[in-house]
Protein backbone atom coordinates (compact mmCIF):
# COMPACT_ATOMS: atom_id res chain seq x y z
CA UNK A 1 50.14 -36.88 24.41
CA UNK A 2 46.61 -38.26 25.02
CA UNK A 3 47.14 -35.22 28.12
CA UNK A 4 47.43 -32.85 25.34
CA UNK A 5 44.43 -34.61 22.82
CA UNK A 6 42.41 -34.38 25.93
CA UNK A 7 43.40 -30.14 26.38
CA UNK A 8 42.49 -29.43 22.80
CA UNK A 9 39.11 -31.50 22.70
CA UNK A 10 37.43 -28.86 24.99
CA UNK A 11 38.52 -26.43 22.97
CA UNK A 12 37.41 -27.84 19.81
CA UNK A 13 34.36 -27.75 21.56
CA UNK A 14 33.82 -24.30 22.69
CA UNK A 15 34.72 -23.69 19.18
CA UNK A 16 31.79 -25.95 17.81
CA UNK A 17 29.94 -24.03 20.21
CA UNK A 18 30.45 -20.81 19.86
CA UNK A 19 30.14 -20.95 15.63
CA UNK A 20 26.87 -22.93 16.34
CA UNK A 21 26.14 -19.78 18.74
CA UNK A 22 26.92 -17.28 16.32
CA UNK A 23 25.09 -18.98 13.16
CA UNK A 24 21.94 -18.62 15.33
CA UNK A 25 22.71 -15.44 16.56
CA UNK A 26 23.09 -13.97 12.76
CA UNK A 27 19.98 -15.97 11.80
CA UNK A 28 17.59 -14.37 14.73
CA UNK A 29 19.07 -11.17 13.41
CA UNK A 30 18.71 -11.44 10.14
CA UNK A 31 15.12 -13.02 10.86
CA UNK A 32 14.98 -9.84 12.84
CA UNK A 33 15.92 -7.37 10.72
CA UNK A 34 13.20 -8.41 7.72
CA UNK A 35 10.52 -8.60 10.68
CA UNK A 36 11.49 -5.08 11.33
CA UNK A 37 11.37 -3.77 7.49
CA UNK A 38 7.49 -5.27 7.20
CA UNK A 39 6.61 -3.81 10.28
CA UNK A 40 8.07 -0.31 9.36
CA UNK A 41 5.92 -0.65 5.64
CA UNK A 42 2.75 -1.89 7.39
CA UNK A 43 3.33 1.07 9.64
CA UNK A 44 3.19 3.46 6.96
CA UNK A 45 0.29 2.57 5.63
CA UNK A 46 -1.26 2.76 8.30
CA UNK A 47 0.13 6.41 8.99
CA UNK A 48 -1.58 7.03 5.07
CA UNK A 49 -4.84 5.87 5.57
CA UNK A 50 -5.02 7.97 9.20
CA UNK A 51 -3.92 10.93 6.81
CA UNK A 52 -6.28 10.44 4.49
CA UNK A 53 -9.30 10.20 6.71
CA UNK A 54 -8.14 13.73 7.96
CA UNK A 55 -7.97 15.04 4.69
CA UNK A 56 -4.26 15.85 5.24
CA UNK A 57 -3.93 14.15 2.21
CA UNK A 58 -5.57 13.55 -0.48
CA UNK A 59 -5.52 9.85 -2.64
CA UNK A 60 -3.86 10.10 -6.26
CA UNK A 61 -1.77 7.90 -8.39
CA UNK A 62 1.69 9.24 -6.10
CA UNK A 63 0.18 7.70 -3.11
CA UNK A 64 -1.47 4.49 -4.33
CA UNK A 65 2.88 4.31 -6.21
CA UNK A 66 3.66 4.51 -2.20
CA UNK A 67 1.13 2.36 -1.30
CA UNK A 68 2.86 0.24 -3.60
CA UNK A 69 6.12 0.21 -2.55
CA UNK A 70 5.00 -0.30 1.15
CA UNK A 71 3.39 -3.23 -0.11
CA UNK A 72 6.33 -4.33 -2.07
CA UNK A 73 8.48 -4.36 0.81
CA UNK A 74 6.66 -6.26 3.11
CA UNK A 75 5.90 -8.50 0.50
CA UNK A 76 10.25 -8.95 -0.57
CA UNK A 77 10.84 -9.15 3.97
CA UNK A 78 8.02 -12.24 4.12
CA UNK A 79 9.55 -13.80 1.09
CA UNK A 80 13.02 -13.22 3.00
CA UNK A 81 12.18 -14.96 6.21
CA UNK A 82 10.78 -17.66 3.79
CA UNK A 83 13.93 -18.11 2.26
CA UNK A 84 15.51 -18.03 5.83
CA UNK A 85 13.17 -21.08 7.15
CA UNK A 86 13.73 -23.29 3.46
CA UNK A 87 17.49 -22.55 3.58
CA UNK A 88 17.83 -23.82 7.32
CA UNK A 89 14.72 -26.70 6.45
CA UNK A 90 17.37 -27.59 3.64
CA UNK A 91 19.66 -28.12 5.96
CA UNK A 92 22.17 -25.32 4.86
CA UNK A 93 23.92 -23.01 7.00
CA UNK A 94 22.74 -19.50 7.17
CA UNK A 95 26.00 -18.20 6.25
CA UNK A 96 25.46 -19.92 2.63
CA UNK A 97 22.22 -17.63 1.89
CA UNK A 98 22.71 -14.80 3.94
CA UNK A 99 24.41 -12.80 0.40
CA UNK A 100 20.60 -13.86 -0.97
CA UNK A 101 19.39 -11.96 2.03
CA UNK A 102 21.04 -9.14 2.19
CA UNK A 103 19.81 -8.71 -1.10
CA UNK A 104 16.39 -9.06 -0.33
CA UNK A 105 17.00 -6.55 2.57
CA UNK A 106 18.69 -4.05 0.70
CA UNK A 107 15.90 -4.25 -1.95
CA UNK A 108 13.11 -4.20 0.33
CA UNK A 109 14.83 -0.94 2.07
CA UNK A 110 15.16 1.14 -1.46
CA UNK A 111 11.77 -0.08 -1.89
CA UNK A 112 10.46 1.52 1.78
CA UNK A 113 12.58 4.63 1.02
CA UNK A 114 10.72 5.56 -2.50
CA UNK A 115 7.71 4.40 -0.44
CA UNK A 116 8.58 7.49 1.39
CA UNK A 117 9.85 9.64 -0.93
CA UNK A 118 6.44 9.61 -2.83
CA UNK A 119 4.30 10.37 0.73
CA UNK A 120 6.88 13.26 1.17
CA UNK A 121 5.92 14.21 -2.78
CA UNK A 122 2.31 13.89 -2.06
CA UNK A 123 2.01 15.51 1.30
CA UNK A 124 4.15 18.84 0.10
CA UNK A 125 2.36 18.65 -3.15
CA UNK A 126 -0.89 19.15 -1.23
CA UNK A 127 0.48 21.45 1.28
């Protein structure tokens, strides 16, 4: 039986190692997705600034609503990243926080989409 126990031990170690690798990868992917959402919204804000400077669109209420949704997307993304860090510092696994993170990511992308919609409506109205 000793040899059987020794054979099972490396399997458990590799299973635990795979679990740790998967958790690390999942954490990095959550963090990177949130970072990409923030960058995407930041790029949209930059595009708005350029379009206003080129007088391709005029700064009106709809434009400011669009900017507000982009800013909300950035804030939500940063909040999600902060939630990841806080959860890990408290010793929680990323799987415990994944439902909250999925909700934050969904709301962040919805804010981005609404911002793009308002921006598109503003551009089409101007032309």
